[in-house]
Protein backbone atom coordinates (compact mmCIF):
# COMPACT_ATOMS: atom_id res chain seq x y z
CA UNK A 1 -30.06 149.13 -14.93
CA UNK A 2 -29.42 146.92 -11.97
CA UNK A 3 -29.97 148.22 -8.46
CA UNK A 4 -26.86 148.17 -6.29
CA UNK A 5 -27.36 147.49 -2.58
CA UNK A 6 -24.52 149.92 -1.79
CA UNK A 7 -23.25 152.83 -3.85
CA UNK A 8 -20.21 152.02 -5.96
CA UNK A 9 -17.54 154.60 -6.79
CA UNK A 10 -17.62 153.67 -10.47
CA UNK A 11 -21.40 153.88 -10.72
CA UNK A 12 -21.47 157.33 -9.09
CA UNK A 13 -18.71 158.53 -11.44
CA UNK A 14 -20.56 157.13 -14.46
CA UNK A 15 -23.85 158.77 -13.46
CA UNK A 16 -22.08 162.16 -13.21
CA UNK A 17 -20.18 161.77 -16.49
CA UNK A 18 -23.31 160.64 -18.35
CA UNK A 19 -25.56 163.18 -16.57
CA UNK A 20 -27.98 160.48 -15.48
CA UNK A 21 -30.38 160.86 -12.60
CA UNK A 22 -30.06 158.38 -9.77
CA UNK A 23 -32.53 156.98 -7.26
CA UNK A 24 -31.43 155.69 -3.87
CA UNK A 25 -32.42 155.33 -0.24
CA UNK A 26 -30.72 157.71 2.20
CA UNK A 27 -31.51 157.48 5.88
CA UNK A 28 -34.75 155.62 5.11
CA UNK A 29 -35.93 158.22 2.54
CA UNK A 30 -36.15 157.62 -1.21
CA UNK A 31 -34.19 160.27 -3.11
CA UNK A 32 -34.08 161.07 -6.82
CA UNK A 33 -31.19 163.33 -7.69
CA UNK A 34 -29.01 164.81 -10.40
CA UNK A 35 -25.43 164.08 -9.31
CA UNK A 36 -23.05 166.98 -9.94
CA UNK A 37 -19.93 166.65 -7.77
CA UNK A 38 -18.23 163.74 -6.03
CA UNK A 39 -15.23 163.92 -3.71
CA UNK A 40 -13.96 164.01 -0.14
CA UNK A 41 -15.79 166.17 2.37
CA UNK A 42 -13.36 168.64 3.94
CA UNK A 43 -14.40 168.03 7.58
CA UNK A 44 -14.55 164.24 7.61
CA UNK A 45 -12.66 163.16 4.47
CA UNK A 46 -15.62 160.85 3.73
CA UNK A 47 -16.72 160.40 0.12
CA UNK A 48 -19.74 162.61 -0.52
CA UNK A 49 -21.99 163.33 -3.45
CA UNK A 50 -23.24 166.85 -4.03
CA UNK A 51 -26.48 166.59 -5.97
CA UNK A 52 -29.58 168.55 -6.94
CA UNK A 53 -32.48 166.57 -5.52
CA UNK A 54 -35.74 166.44 -7.43
CA UNK A 55 -37.48 164.21 -4.87
CA UNK A 56 -38.51 164.52 -2.08
CA UNK A 57 -37.91 168.27 -2.65
CA UNK A 58 -35.82 170.38 -5.00
CA UNK A 59 -32.60 171.64 -3.41
CA UNK A 60 -28.86 171.08 -3.16
CA UNK A 61 -27.84 168.27 -0.82
CA UNK A 62 -24.73 166.36 0.25
CA UNK A 63 -24.92 162.58 0.65
CA UNK A 64 -22.34 160.34 2.31
CA UNK A 65 -21.54 157.53 -0.09
CA UNK A 66 -21.42 155.01 2.78
CA UNK A 67 -25.05 155.79 3.66
CA UNK A 68 -26.52 155.53 0.15
CA UNK A 69 -28.49 152.29 -0.34
CA UNK A 70 -30.30 150.60 -3.24
CA UNK A 71 -28.66 152.86 -5.83
CA UNK A 72 -30.24 152.79 -9.29
CA UNK A 73 -28.89 154.80 -12.22
CA UNK A 74 -31.94 155.89 -14.17
CA UNK A 75 -32.27 156.21 -17.93
CA UNK A 76 -33.43 159.80 -17.48
CA UNK A 77 -30.70 162.36 -18.12
CA UNK A 78 -30.33 166.02 -17.17
CA UNK A 79 -28.94 168.90 -19.21
CA UNK A 80 -26.80 171.77 -18.07
CA UNK A 81 -25.54 172.03 -14.52
CA UNK A 82 -28.16 173.42 -12.17
CA UNK A 83 -28.07 177.04 -11.10
CA UNK A 84 -25.97 177.42 -8.00
CA UNK A 85 -23.60 174.59 -8.88
CA UNK A 86 -20.03 175.33 -7.80
CA UNK A 87 -17.42 172.93 -9.22
CA UNK A 88 -14.99 174.42 -6.69
CA UNK A 89 -17.25 173.84 -3.68
CA UNK A 90 -15.18 174.74 -0.59
CA UNK A 91 -16.83 171.90 1.38
CA UNK A 92 -15.18 169.38 -0.96
CA UNK A 93 -11.47 169.06 -0.24
CA UNK A 94 -10.57 166.81 -3.18
CA UNK A 95 -12.83 166.53 -6.23
CA UNK A 96 -13.01 163.09 -7.79
CA UNK A 97 -15.65 163.69 -10.50
CA UNK A 98 -17.61 166.74 -11.55
CA UNK A 99 -20.23 167.69 -14.14
CA UNK A 100 -18.55 169.62 -16.92
CA UNK A 101 -19.85 173.14 -17.30
């Protein structure tokens, strides 16, 4: 896959639909994550990605699309949605794309 200097809406959607891990730089830190939910953050209306991070540590995180750099969709896939995933996350006002449960 080619590395995108900035995150693209279509690439984020595709990574969620195909359940593919992504690697990117966020605030100068390399992140590897399993993208689960993409939409508009309720407080700011900014596009955000809700993802289970596997690096640098395992946990749920939100990432502003505008701050994601050097995005690479990996060949590695993930299975079922991670425990704790909420497709109706109240922090997301309008869901664009979500992992199917």
